[in-house]
Amino acid sequence: MQIGLSYDLKEAIPVEQDGLDDALEEYDSPETVALLSAALEAKGHSVVRLGGGRQFLDNIRREKIDIVFNIAEGRGNYRSREAQVPSILEMLDIPYTGSDPQCLVVCLDKSVTKKLVIAHGISTPWWLTIANEAELYQTSWDSFPFPAIVKPTCEGSSKGIRLSSLAYNVQQVQKEASRILKCYQQSVMVEEFIDGDEVTVGIVGNLPPKVLGVMRVLPKKKDDHFIYSLEVKRDYLNLVEYECPALLEEKILDEISDCSLKVFKALGCRDFARVDFRVSPRGIAYFLEINPLPGLGIYSDLVIMAMKMGWTHEELIGAVLDAARERYPQCICV
């Protein structure tokens, strides 16, 4: 098959001199693109690098592509940005891997996602969404359970989540929320902090989707409250250990796996995803968010998890591609 690879490179995105140091956090490196290309070529396919943005628009109209392997995060800070490439591919009737535009838009908005998840009986920490400065200072915090995590509503890769994001009182919430409103130009989520294990779940496939693994993220330094922040992710080799399979009680593991699959199906995810939870000391699993477009670089949580479960990177990429091909009859015979 002739496979198009859509992606957004960090180097391709112009950033202002006074821009945020995590402005490009979600975008990929040339090394990741080369790794994905090699994995697809190892399966006997030819790969056409489509890029992202305007380059993608030019290339997708010029090249003859059987299916697109999509890892493009989209341009700008729009809450619909992850849907940009899939929307174009659907308009051109070109098959592609991963979730559809509607799913990607919903899942990038953490507040909308949590509302839908609650409707399906899944536990999630209490939260408030703040749209602007006026709303921030008019909000009543009398019954809000502190401490709280303050983060952008529509970002991934821990973008905007720093060690300073944990707030113990209203004043700290207001300070951190003001920073996010100003810097990220989007609404802010203030979410009850669940003091417990950070757990992430990988899912691959469609009929049926299957849990790839359940991984616990353990801090090497035992602080009072562990936050899987941007600082931690950037220095993960020194700051955390990844335990997969997670050494949790079987009952908790079963609950987390069941909840992950329920969320995956309820939100209309396809092919692969990663679901994040916090598990309280009482053993209650709280859904945090789902990423239907998780990173596939060698340093990404889903890839780390797969390798700890005995998969190779090539096998993971092949499984995602195969799941997508099964959805398109025209691709099965190619």
C-alpha atoms as a PDB file:
ATOM      1  CA  MET A   1       0.000   0.000   0.000  1.00  0.00           C
ATOM      2  CA  GLN A   2       0.968   3.608  -0.498  1.00  0.00           C
ATOM      3  CA  ILE A   3       0.620   5.138   2.967  1.00  0.00           C
ATOM      4  CA  GLY A   4       0.592   8.858   3.558  1.00  0.00           C
ATOM      5  CA  LEU A   5       2.038  10.030   6.870  1.00  0.00           C
ATOM      6  CA  SER A   6       0.508  13.242   8.211  1.00  0.00           C
ATOM      7  CA  TYR A   7       2.254  15.016  11.079  1.00  0.00           C
ATOM      8  CA  ASP A   8       3.198  18.399  12.479  1.00  0.00           C
ATOM      9  CA  LEU A   9       6.905  18.962  13.077  1.00  0.00           C
ATOM     10  CA  LYS A  10       8.077  21.280  15.818  1.00  0.00           C
ATOM     11  CA  GLU A  11      10.494  22.831  13.328  1.00  0.00           C
ATOM     12  CA  ALA A  12       7.668  23.672  10.938  1.00  0.00           C
ATOM     13  CA  ILE A  13       5.753  25.865  13.389  1.00  0.00           C
ATOM     14  CA  PRO A  14       6.804  29.536  13.702  1.00  0.00           C
ATOM     15  CA  VAL A  15       7.004  30.681  17.309  1.00  0.00           C
ATOM     16  CA  GLU A  16       7.294  34.235  18.565  1.00  0.00           C
ATOM     17  CA  GLN A  17      10.424  35.086  20.543  1.00  0.00           C
ATOM     18  CA  ASP A  18       8.385  35.671  23.669  1.00  0.00           C
ATOM     19  CA  GLY A  19       6.303  32.562  23.072  1.00  0.00           C
ATOM     20  CA  LEU A  20       5.590  29.876  25.644  1.00  0.00           C
ATOM     21  CA  ASP A  21       8.295  27.294  26.252  1.00  0.00           C
ATOM     22  CA  ASP A  22       5.703  24.545  25.762  1.00  0.00           C
ATOM     23  CA  ALA A  23       4.016  26.049  22.691  1.00  0.00           C
ATOM     24  CA  LEU A  24       5.266  23.163  20.516  1.00  0.00           C
ATOM     25  CA  GLU A  25       4.922  20.415  23.099  1.00  0.00           C
ATOM     26  CA  GLU A  26       2.309  18.431  21.181  1.00  0.00           C
ATOM     27  CA  TYR A  27       4.192  18.459  17.882  1.00  0.00           C
ATOM     28  CA  ASP A  28       6.603  15.759  16.730  1.00  0.00           C
ATOM     29  CA  SER A  29      10.299  15.529  15.976  1.00  0.00           C
ATOM     30  CA  PRO A  30      11.964  14.338  12.740  1.00  0.00           C
ATOM     31  CA  GLU A  31      13.127  11.283  14.712  1.00  0.00           C
ATOM     32  CA  THR A  32       9.538  10.245  15.441  1.00  0.00           C
ATOM     33  CA  VAL A  33       8.523  10.692  11.800  1.00  0.00           C
ATOM     34  CA  ALA A  34      11.514   8.594  10.697  1.00  0.00           C
ATOM     35  CA  LEU A  35      10.636   5.917  13.270  1.00  0.00           C
ATOM     36  CA  LEU A  36       7.035   5.688  12.067  1.00  0.00           C
ATOM     37  CA  SER A  37       8.110   5.632   8.432  1.00  0.00           C
ATOM     38  CA  ALA A  38      10.508   2.777   9.154  1.00  0.00           C
ATOM     39  CA  ALA A  39       7.823   0.796  11.016  1.00  0.00           C
ATOM     40  CA  LEU A  40       5.386   1.115   8.106  1.00  0.00           C
ATOM     41  CA  GLU A  41       8.038   0.320   5.511  1.00  0.00           C
ATOM     42  CA  ALA A  42       9.041  -2.775   7.487  1.00  0.00           C
ATOM     43  CA  LYS A  43       5.492  -4.038   6.850  1.00  0.00           C
ATOM     44  CA  GLY A  44       6.122  -3.790   3.112  1.00  0.00           C
ATOM     45  CA  HIS A  45       4.379  -0.466   2.510  1.00  0.00           C
ATOM     46  CA  SER A  46       5.722   2.620   0.768  1.00  0.00           C
ATOM     47  CA  VAL A  47       5.465   5.835   2.766  1.00  0.00           C
ATOM     48  CA  VAL A  48       4.807   9.336   1.486  1.00  0.00           C
ATOM     49  CA  ARG A  49       5.530  12.060   4.032  1.00  0.00           C
ATOM     50  CA  LEU A  50       2.658  14.509   3.778  1.00  0.00           C
ATOM     51  CA  GLY A  51       3.566  16.836   6.647  1.00  0.00           C
ATOM     52  CA  GLY A  52       0.964  19.156   8.109  1.00  0.00           C
ATOM     53  CA  GLY A  53      -0.684  22.525   7.553  1.00  0.00           C
ATOM     54  CA  ARG A  54      -0.444  23.996   4.046  1.00  0.00           C
ATOM     55  CA  GLN A  55       2.204  21.445   3.108  1.00  0.00           C
ATOM     56  CA  PHE A  56      -0.278  18.679   3.853  1.00  0.00           C
ATOM     57  CA  LEU A  57      -2.931  20.372   1.690  1.00  0.00           C
ATOM     58  CA  ASP A  58      -0.557  20.533  -1.276  1.00  0.00           C
ATOM     59  CA  ASN A  59       0.729  16.995  -0.868  1.00  0.00           C
ATOM     60  CA  ILE A  60      -2.570  15.208  -0.260  1.00  0.00           C
ATOM     61  CA  ARG A  61      -4.010  16.579  -3.514  1.00  0.00           C
ATOM     62  CA  ARG A  62      -0.924  15.671  -5.523  1.00  0.00           C
ATOM     63  CA  GLU A  63      -0.087  12.192  -4.210  1.00  0.00           C
ATOM     64  CA  LYS A  64      -2.032   8.989  -4.809  1.00  0.00           C
ATOM     65  CA  ILE A  65      -2.580   7.607  -1.299  1.00  0.00           C
ATOM     66  CA  ASP A  66      -4.341   4.387  -0.246  1.00  0.00           C
ATOM     67  CA  ILE A  67      -4.605   5.347   3.444  1.00  0.00           C
ATOM     68  CA  VAL A  68      -3.185   8.066   5.686  1.00  0.00           C
ATOM     69  CA  PHE A  69      -1.483   7.225   8.976  1.00  0.00           C
ATOM     70  CA  ASN A  70      -2.406  10.352  10.902  1.00  0.00           C
ATOM     71  CA  ILE A  71      -0.504  11.783  13.860  1.00  0.00           C
ATOM     72  CA  ALA A  72      -1.080  15.474  13.009  1.00  0.00           C
ATOM     73  CA  GLU A  73      -2.119  17.556  16.023  1.00  0.00           C
ATOM     74  CA  GLY A  74      -3.398  20.461  13.912  1.00  0.00           C
ATOM     75  CA  ARG A  75      -2.397  24.111  13.810  1.00  0.00           C
ATOM     76  CA  GLY A  76      -3.315  26.965  16.151  1.00  0.00           C
ATOM     77  CA  ASN A  77      -4.854  26.745  19.608  1.00  0.00           C
ATOM     78  CA  TYR A  78      -8.357  25.924  18.398  1.00  0.00           C
ATOM     79  CA  ARG A  79     -10.192  23.294  20.398  1.00  0.00           C
ATOM     80  CA  SER A  80     -11.019  21.663  17.045  1.00  0.00           C
ATOM     81  CA  ARG A  81      -7.411  21.600  15.796  1.00  0.00           C
ATOM     82  CA  GLU A  82      -6.957  17.808  16.004  1.00  0.00           C
ATOM     83  CA  ALA A  83      -9.895  17.433  13.608  1.00  0.00           C
ATOM     84  CA  GLN A  84      -8.297  19.499  10.830  1.00  0.00           C
ATOM     85  CA  VAL A  85      -6.530  16.695   8.944  1.00  0.00           C
ATOM     86  CA  PRO A  86      -9.265  14.027   9.395  1.00  0.00           C
ATOM     87  CA  SER A  87     -11.881  16.531   8.190  1.00  0.00           C
ATOM     88  CA  ILE A  88      -9.947  17.149   4.975  1.00  0.00           C
ATOM     89  CA  LEU A  89      -9.425  13.429   4.456  1.00  0.00           C
ATOM     90  CA  GLU A  90     -13.150  12.761   4.864  1.00  0.00           C
ATOM     91  CA  MET A  91     -13.948  15.532   2.389  1.00  0.00           C
ATOM     92  CA  LEU A  92     -11.580  13.896  -0.128  1.00  0.00           C
ATOM     93  CA  ASP A  93     -12.856  10.385   0.766  1.00  0.00           C
ATOM     94  CA  ILE A  94      -9.391   9.150   1.731  1.00  0.00           C
ATOM     95  CA  PRO A  95      -9.115   6.462   4.449  1.00  0.00           C
ATOM     96  CA  TYR A  96      -7.103   7.289   7.550  1.00  0.00           C
ATOM     97  CA  THR A  97      -6.095   5.878  10.919  1.00  0.00           C
ATOM     98  CA  GLY A  98      -7.537   7.021  14.211  1.00  0.00           C
ATOM     99  CA  SER A  99     -10.692   8.683  15.414  1.00  0.00           C
ATOM    100  CA  ASP A 100     -13.004  10.858  13.368  1.00  0.00           C
ATOM    101  CA  PRO A 101     -13.284  14.667  13.635  1.00  0.00           C
ATOM    102  CA  GLN A 102     -16.242  14.660  16.014  1.00  0.00           C
ATOM    103  CA  CYS A 103     -14.496  12.354  18.493  1.00  0.00           C
ATOM    104  CA  LEU A 104     -11.247  14.342  18.348  1.00  0.00           C
ATOM    105  CA  VAL A 105     -13.045  17.643  18.964  1.00  0.00           C
ATOM    106  CA  VAL A 106     -14.979  16.269  21.929  1.00  0.00           C
ATOM    107  CA  CYS A 107     -12.001  14.576  23.562  1.00  0.00           C
ATOM    108  CA  LEU A 108      -9.683  17.585  23.333  1.00  0.00           C
ATOM    109  CA  ASP A 109     -12.200  19.561  25.401  1.00  0.00           C
ATOM    110  CA  LYS A 110     -11.729  18.047  28.871  1.00  0.00           C
ATOM    111  CA  SER A 111     -14.888  19.592  30.269  1.00  0.00           C
ATOM    112  CA  VAL A 112     -17.166  18.279  27.509  1.00  0.00           C
ATOM    113  CA  THR A 113     -15.534  14.860  27.795  1.00  0.00           C
ATOM    114  CA  LYS A 114     -16.144  14.668  31.530  1.00  0.00           C
ATOM    115  CA  LYS A 115     -19.827  15.566  31.090  1.00  0.00           C
ATOM    116  CA  LEU A 116     -20.298  12.717  28.620  1.00  0.00           C
ATOM    117  CA  VAL A 117     -18.332  10.272  30.743  1.00  0.00           C
ATOM    118  CA  ILE A 118     -20.438  11.044  33.821  1.00  0.00           C
ATOM    119  CA  ALA A 119     -23.552  10.296  31.770  1.00  0.00           C
ATOM    120  CA  HIS A 120     -22.188   6.768  31.300  1.00  0.00           C
ATOM    121  CA  GLY A 121     -21.694   6.213  35.015  1.00  0.00           C
ATOM    122  CA  ILE A 122     -17.924   6.828  35.167  1.00  0.00           C
ATOM    123  CA  SER A 123     -16.457   8.584  38.225  1.00  0.00           C
ATOM    124  CA  THR A 124     -14.431  11.746  37.579  1.00  0.00           C
ATOM    125  CA  PRO A 125     -13.060  14.425  39.936  1.00  0.00           C
ATOM    126  CA  TRP A 126     -15.249  17.455  40.560  1.00  0.00           C
ATOM    127  CA  TRP A 127     -14.383  20.460  38.401  1.00  0.00           C
ATOM    128  CA  LEU A 128     -15.257  23.959  37.290  1.00  0.00           C
ATOM    129  CA  THR A 129     -14.518  25.602  33.942  1.00  0.00           C
ATOM    130  CA  ILE A 130     -13.517  29.275  33.906  1.00  0.00           C
ATOM    131  CA  ALA A 131     -13.946  31.156  30.629  1.00  0.00           C
ATOM    132  CA  ASN A 132     -12.384  34.542  31.500  1.00  0.00           C
ATOM    133  CA  GLU A 133     -10.986  36.775  34.243  1.00  0.00           C
ATOM    134  CA  ALA A 134     -14.377  38.201  35.181  1.00  0.00           C
ATOM    135  CA  GLU A 135     -15.806  34.729  35.680  1.00  0.00           C
ATOM    136  CA  LEU A 136     -12.733  33.701  37.682  1.00  0.00           C
ATOM    137  CA  TYR A 137     -13.311  36.375  40.320  1.00  0.00           C
ATOM    138  CA  GLN A 138     -17.105  36.010  40.354  1.00  0.00           C
ATOM    139  CA  THR A 139     -17.032  32.249  41.000  1.00  0.00           C
ATOM    140  CA  SER A 140     -17.944  30.998  44.460  1.00  0.00           C
ATOM    141  CA  TRP A 141     -15.410  28.513  45.827  1.00  0.00           C
ATOM    142  CA  ASP A 142     -17.140  27.824  49.142  1.00  0.00           C
ATOM    143  CA  SER A 143     -17.876  24.165  48.427  1.00  0.00           C
ATOM    144  CA  PHE A 144     -14.982  23.368  46.111  1.00  0.00           C
ATOM    145  CA  PRO A 145     -12.754  20.512  47.364  1.00  0.00           C
ATOM    146  CA  PHE A 146      -9.119  21.642  47.660  1.00  0.00           C
ATOM    147  CA  PRO A 147      -6.374  21.018  46.644  1.00  0.00           C
ATOM    148  CA  ALA A 148      -7.070  21.430  42.951  1.00  0.00           C
ATOM    149  CA  ILE A 149      -5.243  21.119  39.641  1.00  0.00           C
ATOM    150  CA  VAL A 150      -5.480  24.183  37.401  1.00  0.00           C
ATOM    151  CA  LYS A 151      -4.953  23.486  33.691  1.00  0.00           C
ATOM    152  CA  PRO A 152      -5.952  24.527  30.174  1.00  0.00           C
ATOM    153  CA  THR A 153      -9.223  22.958  29.101  1.00  0.00           C
ATOM    154  CA  CYS A 154      -8.184  22.047  25.563  1.00  0.00           C
ATOM    155  CA  GLU A 155      -4.581  20.860  25.515  1.00  0.00           C
ATOM    156  CA  GLY A 156      -2.668  17.584  25.665  1.00  0.00           C
ATOM    157  CA  SER A 157       0.859  16.351  26.493  1.00  0.00           C
ATOM    158  CA  SER A 158       0.589  18.096  29.891  1.00  0.00           C
ATOM    159  CA  LYS A 159       0.838  21.417  28.069  1.00  0.00           C
ATOM    160  CA  GLY A 160       0.199  24.165  30.605  1.00  0.00           C
ATOM    161  CA  ILE A 161       0.399  21.766  33.563  1.00  0.00           C
ATOM    162  CA  ARG A 162       3.382  22.748  35.665  1.00  0.00           C
ATOM    163  CA  LEU A 163       4.526  22.061  39.210  1.00  0.00           C
ATOM    164  CA  SER A 164       2.792  25.344  40.108  1.00  0.00           C
ATOM    165  CA  SER A 165      -0.560  23.993  38.865  1.00  0.00           C
ATOM    166  CA  LEU A 166      -1.498  22.465  42.221  1.00  0.00           C
ATOM    167  CA  ALA A 167      -3.525  25.018  44.191  1.00  0.00           C
ATOM    168  CA  TYR A 168      -4.378  24.741  47.883  1.00  0.00           C
ATOM    169  CA  ASN A 169      -6.652  27.774  48.155  1.00  0.00           C
ATOM    170  CA  VAL A 170      -8.665  30.294  46.167  1.00  0.00           C
ATOM    171  CA  GLN A 171      -5.801  32.774  45.868  1.00  0.00           C
ATOM    172  CA  GLN A 172      -3.525  30.173  44.281  1.00  0.00           C
ATOM    173  CA  VAL A 173      -6.292  29.121  41.899  1.00  0.00           C
ATOM    174  CA  GLN A 174      -6.809  32.702  40.796  1.00  0.00           C
ATOM    175  CA  LYS A 175      -3.098  33.274  40.235  1.00  0.00           C
ATOM    176  CA  GLU A 176      -2.602  30.090  38.212  1.00  0.00           C
ATOM    177  CA  ALA A 177      -5.858  30.467  36.278  1.00  0.00           C
ATOM    178  CA  SER A 178      -4.917  34.043  35.335  1.00  0.00           C
ATOM    179  CA  ARG A 179      -1.617  32.739  33.956  1.00  0.00           C
ATOM    180  CA  ILE A 180      -3.355  30.149  31.812  1.00  0.00           C
ATOM    181  CA  LEU A 181      -6.056  32.523  30.554  1.00  0.00           C
ATOM    182  CA  LYS A 182      -3.388  34.998  29.482  1.00  0.00           C
ATOM    183  CA  CYS A 183      -0.818  32.579  28.080  1.00  0.00           C
ATOM    184  CA  TYR A 184      -2.976  29.925  26.425  1.00  0.00           C
ATOM    185  CA  GLN A 185      -5.948  32.047  25.322  1.00  0.00           C
ATOM    186  CA  GLN A 186      -8.546  29.459  26.297  1.00  0.00           C
ATOM    187  CA  SER A 187     -10.742  28.438  29.186  1.00  0.00           C
ATOM    188  CA  VAL A 188      -9.304  26.985  32.376  1.00  0.00           C
ATOM    189  CA  MET A 189     -10.308  23.797  34.150  1.00  0.00           C
ATOM    190  CA  VAL A 190     -10.034  23.745  37.936  1.00  0.00           C
ATOM    191  CA  GLU A 191     -10.235  20.096  38.938  1.00  0.00           C
ATOM    192  CA  GLU A 192     -10.323  18.400  42.315  1.00  0.00           C
ATOM    193  CA  PHE A 193      -6.910  16.799  42.937  1.00  0.00           C
ATOM    194  CA  ILE A 194      -7.080  13.076  43.631  1.00  0.00           C
ATOM    195  CA  ASP A 195      -4.129  12.201  45.838  1.00  0.00           C
ATOM    196  CA  GLY A 196      -3.248   8.717  44.657  1.00  0.00           C
ATOM    197  CA  ASP A 197      -1.724   6.661  41.865  1.00  0.00           C
ATOM    198  CA  GLU A 198      -1.384   8.074  38.364  1.00  0.00           C
ATOM    199  CA  VAL A 199      -2.501   5.338  35.969  1.00  0.00           C
ATOM    200  CA  THR A 200      -2.736   5.283  32.186  1.00  0.00           C
ATOM    201  CA  VAL A 201      -4.380   2.662  29.986  1.00  0.00           C
ATOM    202  CA  GLY A 202      -3.621   1.802  26.365  1.00  0.00           C
ATOM    203  CA  ILE A 203      -6.328   0.593  23.994  1.00  0.00           C
ATOM    204  CA  VAL A 204      -5.854  -0.813  20.481  1.00  0.00           C
ATOM    205  CA  GLY A 205      -8.415  -2.159  17.994  1.00  0.00           C
ATOM    206  CA  ASN A 206     -12.116  -1.850  17.258  1.00  0.00           C
ATOM    207  CA  LEU A 207     -14.035  -5.135  16.994  1.00  0.00           C
ATOM    208  CA  PRO A 208     -13.567  -5.395  19.837  1.00  0.00           C
ATOM    209  CA  PRO A 209     -11.132  -2.802  21.214  1.00  0.00           C
ATOM    210  CA  LYS A 210      -8.703  -4.396  23.648  1.00  0.00           C
ATOM    211  CA  VAL A 211      -6.711  -3.105  26.585  1.00  0.00           C
ATOM    212  CA  LEU A 212      -3.041  -3.153  25.654  1.00  0.00           C
ATOM    213  CA  GLY A 213      -1.881  -2.541  29.203  1.00  0.00           C
ATOM    214  CA  VAL A 214      -2.427  -0.681  32.459  1.00  0.00           C
ATOM    215  CA  MET A 215       0.600   1.341  33.527  1.00  0.00           C
ATOM    216  CA  ARG A 216       1.276   3.101  36.822  1.00  0.00           C
ATOM    217  CA  VAL A 217       3.487   6.208  36.846  1.00  0.00           C
ATOM    218  CA  LEU A 218       5.546   6.209  40.046  1.00  0.00           C
ATOM    219  CA  PRO A 219       7.653   9.167  41.210  1.00  0.00           C
ATOM    220  CA  LYS A 220      11.209   8.258  42.164  1.00  0.00           C
ATOM    221  CA  LYS A 221      11.148  10.995  44.787  1.00  0.00           C
ATOM    222  CA  LYS A 222       8.264  10.624  47.226  1.00  0.00           C
ATOM    223  CA  ASP A 223       6.694  14.072  47.532  1.00  0.00           C
ATOM    224  CA  ASP A 224       3.448  14.913  49.283  1.00  0.00           C
ATOM    225  CA  HIS A 225       1.495  15.304  46.037  1.00  0.00           C
ATOM    226  CA  PHE A 226       2.786  13.861  42.788  1.00  0.00           C
ATOM    227  CA  ILE A 227       1.826  15.730  39.609  1.00  0.00           C
ATOM    228  CA  TYR A 228       2.617  14.230  36.210  1.00  0.00           C
ATOM    229  CA  SER A 229       3.569  17.708  35.047  1.00  0.00           C
ATOM    230  CA  LEU A 230       5.443  18.980  32.023  1.00  0.00           C
ATOM    231  CA  GLU A 231       8.646  19.217  34.026  1.00  0.00           C
ATOM    232  CA  VAL A 232       8.317  15.550  34.963  1.00  0.00           C
ATOM    233  CA  LYS A 233       7.550  14.388  31.419  1.00  0.00           C
ATOM    234  CA  ARG A 234      10.550  16.263  30.057  1.00  0.00           C
ATOM    235  CA  ASP A 235      12.848  14.516  32.541  1.00  0.00           C
ATOM    236  CA  TYR A 236      10.964  11.223  32.876  1.00  0.00           C
ATOM    237  CA  LEU A 237      14.063   9.024  32.889  1.00  0.00           C
ATOM    238  CA  ASN A 238      15.262  10.634  36.116  1.00  0.00           C
ATOM    239  CA  LEU A 239      11.983  11.473  37.827  1.00  0.00           C
ATOM    240  CA  VAL A 240       9.578   8.556  37.340  1.00  0.00           C
ATOM    241  CA  GLU A 241       9.362   4.815  36.944  1.00  0.00           C
ATOM    242  CA  TYR A 242       6.804   3.125  34.717  1.00  0.00           C
ATOM    243  CA  GLU A 243       5.233   0.020  36.196  1.00  0.00           C
ATOM    244  CA  CYS A 244       3.477  -2.120  33.615  1.00  0.00           C
ATOM    245  CA  PRO A 245       1.555  -4.243  34.290  1.00  0.00           C
ATOM    246  CA  ALA A 246       0.528  -2.033  37.207  1.00  0.00           C
ATOM    247  CA  LEU A 247       0.803  -3.780  40.558  1.00  0.00           C
ATOM    248  CA  LEU A 248      -2.670  -2.914  41.793  1.00  0.00           C
ATOM    249  CA  GLU A 249      -5.391  -5.113  43.226  1.00  0.00           C
ATOM    250  CA  GLU A 250      -7.076  -7.254  40.589  1.00  0.00           C
ATOM    251  CA  LYS A 251     -10.442  -5.692  41.389  1.00  0.00           C
ATOM    252  CA  ILE A 252      -9.064  -2.199  40.727  1.00  0.00           C
ATOM    253  CA  LEU A 253      -7.329  -3.289  37.521  1.00  0.00           C
ATOM    254  CA  ASP A 254     -10.562  -4.842  36.254  1.00  0.00           C
ATOM    255  CA  GLU A 255     -12.506  -1.680  37.059  1.00  0.00           C
ATOM    256  CA  ILE A 256      -9.962   0.539  35.304  1.00  0.00           C
ATOM    257  CA  SER A 257      -9.913  -1.695  32.217  1.00  0.00           C
ATOM    258  CA  ASP A 258     -13.723  -1.858  32.063  1.00  0.00           C
ATOM    259  CA  CYS A 259     -14.051   1.911  32.487  1.00  0.00           C
ATOM    260  CA  SER A 260     -11.436   2.542  29.799  1.00  0.00           C
ATOM    261  CA  LEU A 261     -13.253   0.414  27.247  1.00  0.00           C
ATOM    262  CA  LYS A 262     -16.580   1.969  28.176  1.00  0.00           C
ATOM    263  CA  VAL A 263     -15.167   5.475  27.695  1.00  0.00           C
ATOM    264  CA  PHE A 264     -13.481   4.480  24.408  1.00  0.00           C
ATOM    265  CA  LYS A 265     -16.790   3.209  23.021  1.00  0.00           C
ATOM    266  CA  ALA A 266     -18.967   5.972  24.482  1.00  0.00           C
ATOM    267  CA  LEU A 267     -16.870   8.729  22.906  1.00  0.00           C
ATOM    268  CA  GLY A 268     -16.613   6.965  19.556  1.00  0.00           C
ATOM    269  CA  CYS A 269     -12.853   6.400  19.571  1.00  0.00           C
ATOM    270  CA  ARG A 270     -11.269   4.262  16.874  1.00  0.00           C
ATOM    271  CA  ASP A 271      -8.120   2.182  16.391  1.00  0.00           C
ATOM    272  CA  PHE A 272      -6.165   3.335  19.466  1.00  0.00           C
ATOM    273  CA  ALA A 273      -6.264   5.659  22.451  1.00  0.00           C
ATOM    274  CA  ARG A 274      -4.834   6.241  25.905  1.00  0.00           C
ATOM    275  CA  VAL A 275      -7.005   6.832  28.985  1.00  0.00           C
ATOM    276  CA  ASP A 276      -5.751   8.500  32.176  1.00  0.00           C
ATOM    277  CA  PHE A 277      -6.965   7.869  35.719  1.00  0.00           C
ATOM    278  CA  ARG A 278      -6.129   8.683  39.311  1.00  0.00           C
ATOM    279  CA  VAL A 279      -6.722   5.950  41.873  1.00  0.00           C
ATOM    280  CA  SER A 280      -7.515   7.206  45.373  1.00  0.00           C
ATOM    281  CA  PRO A 281      -6.089   5.552  48.519  1.00  0.00           C
ATOM    282  CA  ARG A 282      -9.554   3.980  48.949  1.00  0.00           C
ATOM    283  CA  GLY A 283      -9.154   2.240  45.591  1.00  0.00           C
ATOM    284  CA  ILE A 284     -11.606   4.391  43.633  1.00  0.00           C
ATOM    285  CA  ALA A 285     -10.562   4.973  40.007  1.00  0.00           C
ATOM    286  CA  TYR A 286     -11.318   8.505  38.771  1.00  0.00           C
ATOM    287  CA  PHE A 287     -11.293   9.204  35.046  1.00  0.00           C
ATOM    288  CA  LEU A 288      -9.195  12.268  34.124  1.00  0.00           C
ATOM    289  CA  GLU A 289      -9.098  12.386  30.339  1.00  0.00           C
ATOM    290  CA  ILE A 290      -8.752  10.363  27.156  1.00  0.00           C
ATOM    291  CA  ASN A 291      -6.341  10.958  24.306  1.00  0.00           C
ATOM    292  CA  PRO A 292      -7.621   9.481  21.026  1.00  0.00           C
ATOM    293  CA  LEU A 293      -4.469  10.744  19.275  1.00  0.00           C
ATOM    294  CA  PRO A 294      -1.702   9.684  21.678  1.00  0.00           C
ATOM    295  CA  GLY A 295       1.967  10.168  20.864  1.00  0.00           C
ATOM    296  CA  LEU A 296       3.762   7.346  19.063  1.00  0.00           C
ATOM    297  CA  GLY A 297       7.332   8.479  19.601  1.00  0.00           C
ATOM    298  CA  ILE A 298       9.669   6.170  21.477  1.00  0.00           C
ATOM    299  CA  TYR A 299       9.325   8.327  24.613  1.00  0.00           C
ATOM    300  CA  SER A 300       5.503   8.387  24.586  1.00  0.00           C
ATOM    301  CA  ASP A 301       3.493   6.687  27.330  1.00  0.00           C
ATOM    302  CA  LEU A 302       1.614   4.385  24.948  1.00  0.00           C
ATOM    303  CA  VAL A 303       4.855   3.196  23.351  1.00  0.00           C
ATOM    304  CA  ILE A 304       6.566   2.722  26.726  1.00  0.00           C
ATOM    305  CA  MET A 305       3.554   0.710  27.864  1.00  0.00           C
ATOM    306  CA  ALA A 306       3.531  -1.443  24.731  1.00  0.00           C
ATOM    307  CA  MET A 307       7.209  -2.257  25.055  1.00  0.00           C
ATOM    308  CA  LYS A 308       6.805  -3.207  28.704  1.00  0.00           C
ATOM    309  CA  MET A 309       4.020  -5.555  27.608  1.00  0.00           C
ATOM    310  CA  GLY A 310       6.380  -7.267  25.154  1.00  0.00           C
ATOM    311  CA  TRP A 311       5.417  -5.440  21.967  1.00  0.00           C
ATOM    312  CA  THR A 312       7.886  -3.851  19.592  1.00  0.00           C
ATOM    313  CA  HIS A 313       7.298  -0.340  18.274  1.00  0.00           C
ATOM    314  CA  GLU A 314       6.782  -1.838  14.826  1.00  0.00           C
ATOM    315  CA  GLU A 315       4.103  -4.205  16.161  1.00  0.00           C
ATOM    316  CA  LEU A 316       2.218  -1.339  17.816  1.00  0.00           C
ATOM    317  CA  ILE A 317       2.208   0.753  14.641  1.00  0.00           C
ATOM    318  CA  GLY A 318       1.146  -2.310  12.655  1.00  0.00           C
ATOM    319  CA  ALA A 319      -1.736  -2.992  15.036  1.00  0.00           C
ATOM    320  CA  VAL A 320      -3.030   0.584  14.686  1.00  0.00           C
ATOM    321  CA  LEU A 321      -2.794   0.381  10.906  1.00  0.00           C
ATOM    322  CA  ASP A 322      -4.502  -3.009  10.777  1.00  0.00           C
ATOM    323  CA  ALA A 323      -7.352  -1.762  12.976  1.00  0.00           C
ATOM    324  CA  ALA A 324      -7.909   1.142  10.590  1.00  0.00           C
ATOM    325  CA  ARG A 325      -7.688  -1.006   7.463  1.00  0.00           C
ATOM    326  CA  GLU A 326     -10.437  -3.283   8.776  1.00  0.00           C
ATOM    327  CA  ARG A 327     -12.794  -0.281   8.736  1.00  0.00           C
ATOM    328  CA  TYR A 328     -12.165   0.314   5.022  1.00  0.00           C
ATOM    329  CA  PRO A 329     -13.030  -2.641   2.729  1.00  0.00           C
ATOM    330  CA  GLN A 330     -11.058  -1.067  -0.126  1.00  0.00           C
ATOM    331  CA  CYS A 331      -7.880  -1.172   1.984  1.00  0.00           C
ATOM    332  CA  ILE A 332      -8.088  -4.849   2.983  1.00  0.00           C
ATOM    333  CA  CYS A 333      -7.392  -6.034  -0.546  1.00  0.00           C
ATOM    334  CA  VAL A 334      -4.557  -3.566  -1.229  1.00  0.00           C
END
